[in-house]
């Protein structure tokens, strides 16, 4: 499990789920990606970089955003 880089495109603070765009992908967005609860909602600003871990490389929904950075 190696963290992958992505950009935050939207965030739902009610469900703590996000839509992200993976680095290197111009058109593919992953929706409903879980966000670690230790990340404050205020830090989840659209356009910020996020680190994502995929637990199953064949199932994009089995992932979590574990960090946000600039």
N, C-alpha and C. Protein backbone atom coordinates (compact mmCIF):
# COMPACT_ATOMS: atom_id res chain seq x y z
N UNK A 1 0.83 -1.18 0.00
CA UNK A 1 0.00 0.00 0.00
C UNK A 1 0.87 1.24 0.00
N UNK A 2 0.91 1.86 -1.11
CA UNK A 2 1.68 3.09 -1.24
C UNK A 2 0.71 4.25 -1.44
N UNK A 3 0.84 5.33 -0.69
CA UNK A 3 -0.05 6.47 -0.88
C UNK A 3 0.07 7.04 -2.28
N UNK A 4 -1.05 7.44 -2.83
CA UNK A 4 -1.12 8.05 -4.15
C UNK A 4 -1.55 9.51 -4.00
N UNK A 5 -1.11 10.35 -4.92
CA UNK A 5 -1.43 11.77 -4.89
C UNK A 5 -2.68 12.03 -5.71
N UNK A 6 -3.53 12.92 -5.17
CA UNK A 6 -4.76 13.32 -5.87
C UNK A 6 -5.10 14.75 -5.48
N UNK A 7 -6.11 15.32 -6.16
CA UNK A 7 -6.60 16.65 -5.83
C UNK A 7 -8.04 16.54 -5.38
N UNK A 8 -8.37 17.29 -4.36
CA UNK A 8 -9.72 17.31 -3.82
C UNK A 8 -10.62 18.12 -4.74
N UNK A 9 -11.73 17.55 -5.18
CA UNK A 9 -12.67 18.24 -6.05
C UNK A 9 -13.96 18.60 -5.32
N UNK A 10 -14.34 17.82 -4.31
CA UNK A 10 -15.48 18.17 -3.46
C UNK A 10 -15.39 17.37 -2.18
N UNK A 11 -16.07 17.89 -1.15
CA UNK A 11 -16.06 17.24 0.15
C UNK A 11 -17.42 17.42 0.81
N UNK A 12 -17.96 16.35 1.37
CA UNK A 12 -19.22 16.38 2.09
C UNK A 12 -18.92 16.15 3.57
N UNK A 13 -19.04 17.19 4.38
CA UNK A 13 -18.70 17.08 5.80
C UNK A 13 -19.72 16.25 6.57
N UNK A 14 -20.91 16.05 6.02
CA UNK A 14 -21.92 15.22 6.68
C UNK A 14 -21.58 13.74 6.62
N UNK A 15 -21.10 13.30 5.47
CA UNK A 15 -20.76 11.88 5.30
C UNK A 15 -19.26 11.61 5.42
N UNK A 16 -18.48 12.68 5.44
CA UNK A 16 -17.01 12.59 5.43
C UNK A 16 -16.53 11.76 4.25
N UNK A 17 -17.07 12.11 3.09
CA UNK A 17 -16.69 11.49 1.82
C UNK A 17 -16.30 12.58 0.85
N UNK A 18 -15.45 12.24 -0.11
CA UNK A 18 -14.93 13.24 -1.04
C UNK A 18 -14.91 12.72 -2.47
N UNK A 19 -14.85 13.65 -3.39
CA UNK A 19 -14.59 13.36 -4.80
C UNK A 19 -13.18 13.84 -5.08
N UNK A 20 -12.38 12.98 -5.69
CA UNK A 20 -10.98 13.31 -5.95
C UNK A 20 -10.63 13.06 -7.41
N UNK A 21 -9.57 13.72 -7.84
CA UNK A 21 -9.00 13.51 -9.17
C UNK A 21 -7.58 13.02 -8.96
N UNK A 22 -7.30 11.82 -9.44
CA UNK A 22 -5.98 11.24 -9.25
C UNK A 22 -4.94 11.99 -10.08
N UNK A 23 -3.74 12.11 -9.55
CA UNK A 23 -2.63 12.74 -10.28
C UNK A 23 -2.39 11.96 -11.57
N UNK A 24 -2.23 12.67 -12.66
CA UNK A 24 -1.99 12.05 -13.95
C UNK A 24 -3.25 11.76 -14.73
N UNK A 25 -4.41 11.98 -14.12
CA UNK A 25 -5.68 11.73 -14.78
C UNK A 25 -6.39 13.05 -15.01
N UNK A 26 -6.70 13.34 -16.25
CA UNK A 26 -7.36 14.60 -16.58
C UNK A 26 -8.88 14.50 -16.53
N UNK A 27 -9.44 13.31 -16.70
CA UNK A 27 -10.88 13.19 -16.83
C UNK A 27 -11.56 12.27 -15.82
N UNK A 28 -10.80 11.44 -15.13
CA UNK A 28 -11.41 10.47 -14.22
C UNK A 28 -11.44 11.00 -12.79
N UNK A 29 -12.64 11.02 -12.22
CA UNK A 29 -12.82 11.42 -10.83
C UNK A 29 -13.33 10.21 -10.06
N UNK A 30 -12.86 10.05 -8.84
CA UNK A 30 -13.36 9.00 -7.95
C UNK A 30 -14.29 9.66 -6.96
N UNK A 31 -15.50 9.14 -6.84
CA UNK A 31 -16.50 9.72 -5.96
C UNK A 31 -16.70 8.85 -4.72
N UNK A 32 -17.21 9.48 -3.67
CA UNK A 32 -17.56 8.80 -2.42
C UNK A 32 -16.35 8.11 -1.77
N UNK A 33 -15.19 8.73 -1.85
CA UNK A 33 -13.99 8.19 -1.21
C UNK A 33 -14.02 8.60 0.26
N UNK A 34 -13.80 7.65 1.15
CA UNK A 34 -13.81 7.92 2.59
C UNK A 34 -12.65 8.85 2.96
N UNK A 35 -12.91 9.69 3.96
CA UNK A 35 -11.90 10.62 4.47
C UNK A 35 -11.64 10.27 5.94
N UNK A 36 -10.37 10.19 6.33
CA UNK A 36 -10.03 9.90 7.72
C UNK A 36 -10.65 10.96 8.62
N UNK A 37 -11.27 10.53 9.70
CA UNK A 37 -11.98 11.43 10.60
C UNK A 37 -11.05 12.34 11.40
N UNK A 38 -9.77 12.06 11.41
CA UNK A 38 -8.85 12.94 12.13
C UNK A 38 -8.47 14.19 11.33
N UNK A 39 -8.94 14.27 10.09
CA UNK A 39 -8.70 15.46 9.27
C UNK A 39 -9.84 16.44 9.51
N UNK A 40 -9.55 17.64 10.00
CA UNK A 40 -10.61 18.63 10.23
C UNK A 40 -11.31 19.01 8.92
N UNK A 41 -12.62 19.14 8.97
CA UNK A 41 -13.40 19.51 7.79
C UNK A 41 -12.91 20.82 7.19
N UNK A 42 -12.46 21.74 8.02
CA UNK A 42 -11.98 23.03 7.54
C UNK A 42 -10.74 22.89 6.64
N UNK A 43 -10.01 21.81 6.77
CA UNK A 43 -8.81 21.57 5.96
C UNK A 43 -9.14 21.01 4.58
N UNK A 44 -10.37 20.57 4.39
CA UNK A 44 -10.76 19.92 3.14
C UNK A 44 -11.26 20.94 2.12
N UNK A 45 -10.37 21.82 1.70
CA UNK A 45 -10.68 22.86 0.73
C UNK A 45 -10.46 22.34 -0.69
N UNK A 46 -11.42 22.60 -1.55
CA UNK A 46 -11.33 22.17 -2.95
C UNK A 46 -10.04 22.68 -3.57
N UNK A 47 -9.36 21.78 -4.28
CA UNK A 47 -8.11 22.12 -4.95
C UNK A 47 -6.86 21.69 -4.20
N UNK A 48 -7.03 21.35 -2.92
CA UNK A 48 -5.85 20.91 -2.15
C UNK A 48 -5.43 19.51 -2.56
N UNK A 49 -4.17 19.23 -2.36
CA UNK A 49 -3.65 17.89 -2.63
C UNK A 49 -4.01 16.98 -1.47
N UNK A 50 -4.28 15.73 -1.79
CA UNK A 50 -4.58 14.73 -0.76
C UNK A 50 -3.77 13.47 -1.03
N UNK A 51 -3.48 12.75 0.03
CA UNK A 51 -2.82 11.45 -0.08
C UNK A 51 -3.88 10.38 0.13
N UNK A 52 -3.93 9.42 -0.80
CA UNK A 52 -4.95 8.38 -0.79
C UNK A 52 -4.29 7.02 -0.73
N UNK A 53 -4.85 6.14 0.07
CA UNK A 53 -4.37 4.76 0.12
C UNK A 53 -5.48 3.85 -0.38
N UNK A 54 -5.13 2.95 -1.30
CA UNK A 54 -6.06 1.96 -1.83
C UNK A 54 -5.73 0.63 -1.18
N UNK A 55 -6.72 0.05 -0.51
CA UNK A 55 -6.52 -1.23 0.15
C UNK A 55 -6.68 -2.40 -0.82
N UNK A 56 -7.44 -2.18 -1.88
CA UNK A 56 -7.65 -3.18 -2.92
C UNK A 56 -7.48 -2.49 -4.26
N UNK A 57 -6.43 -2.80 -4.97
CA UNK A 57 -6.14 -2.09 -6.21
C UNK A 57 -7.17 -2.37 -7.31
N UNK A 58 -8.03 -3.34 -7.10
CA UNK A 58 -9.08 -3.66 -8.08
C UNK A 58 -10.42 -3.03 -7.71
N UNK A 59 -10.48 -2.37 -6.55
CA UNK A 59 -11.72 -1.77 -6.08
C UNK A 59 -11.43 -0.35 -5.62
N UNK A 60 -11.70 0.63 -6.45
CA UNK A 60 -11.40 2.03 -6.13
C UNK A 60 -12.20 2.55 -4.94
N UNK A 61 -13.31 1.91 -4.61
CA UNK A 61 -14.12 2.35 -3.47
C UNK A 61 -13.53 1.90 -2.13
N UNK A 62 -12.57 1.01 -2.17
CA UNK A 62 -11.91 0.54 -0.95
C UNK A 62 -10.64 1.36 -0.72
N UNK A 63 -10.84 2.66 -0.48
CA UNK A 63 -9.72 3.60 -0.31
C UNK A 63 -10.07 4.59 0.79
N UNK A 64 -9.05 5.29 1.27
CA UNK A 64 -9.26 6.33 2.27
C UNK A 64 -8.27 7.47 2.03
N UNK A 65 -8.75 8.69 2.20
CA UNK A 65 -7.88 9.86 2.16
C UNK A 65 -7.29 9.99 3.55
N UNK A 66 -5.96 9.94 3.64
CA UNK A 66 -5.34 9.95 4.96
C UNK A 66 -4.59 11.22 5.28
N UNK A 67 -4.44 12.10 4.30
CA UNK A 67 -3.75 13.37 4.57
C UNK A 67 -4.17 14.41 3.53
N UNK A 68 -4.08 15.66 3.93
CA UNK A 68 -4.32 16.78 3.03
C UNK A 68 -3.13 17.72 3.17
N UNK A 69 -2.66 18.27 2.05
CA UNK A 69 -1.49 19.15 2.12
C UNK A 69 -1.54 20.17 0.99
N UNK A 70 -0.65 21.17 1.07
CA UNK A 70 -0.62 22.20 0.06
C UNK A 70 0.58 22.03 -0.84
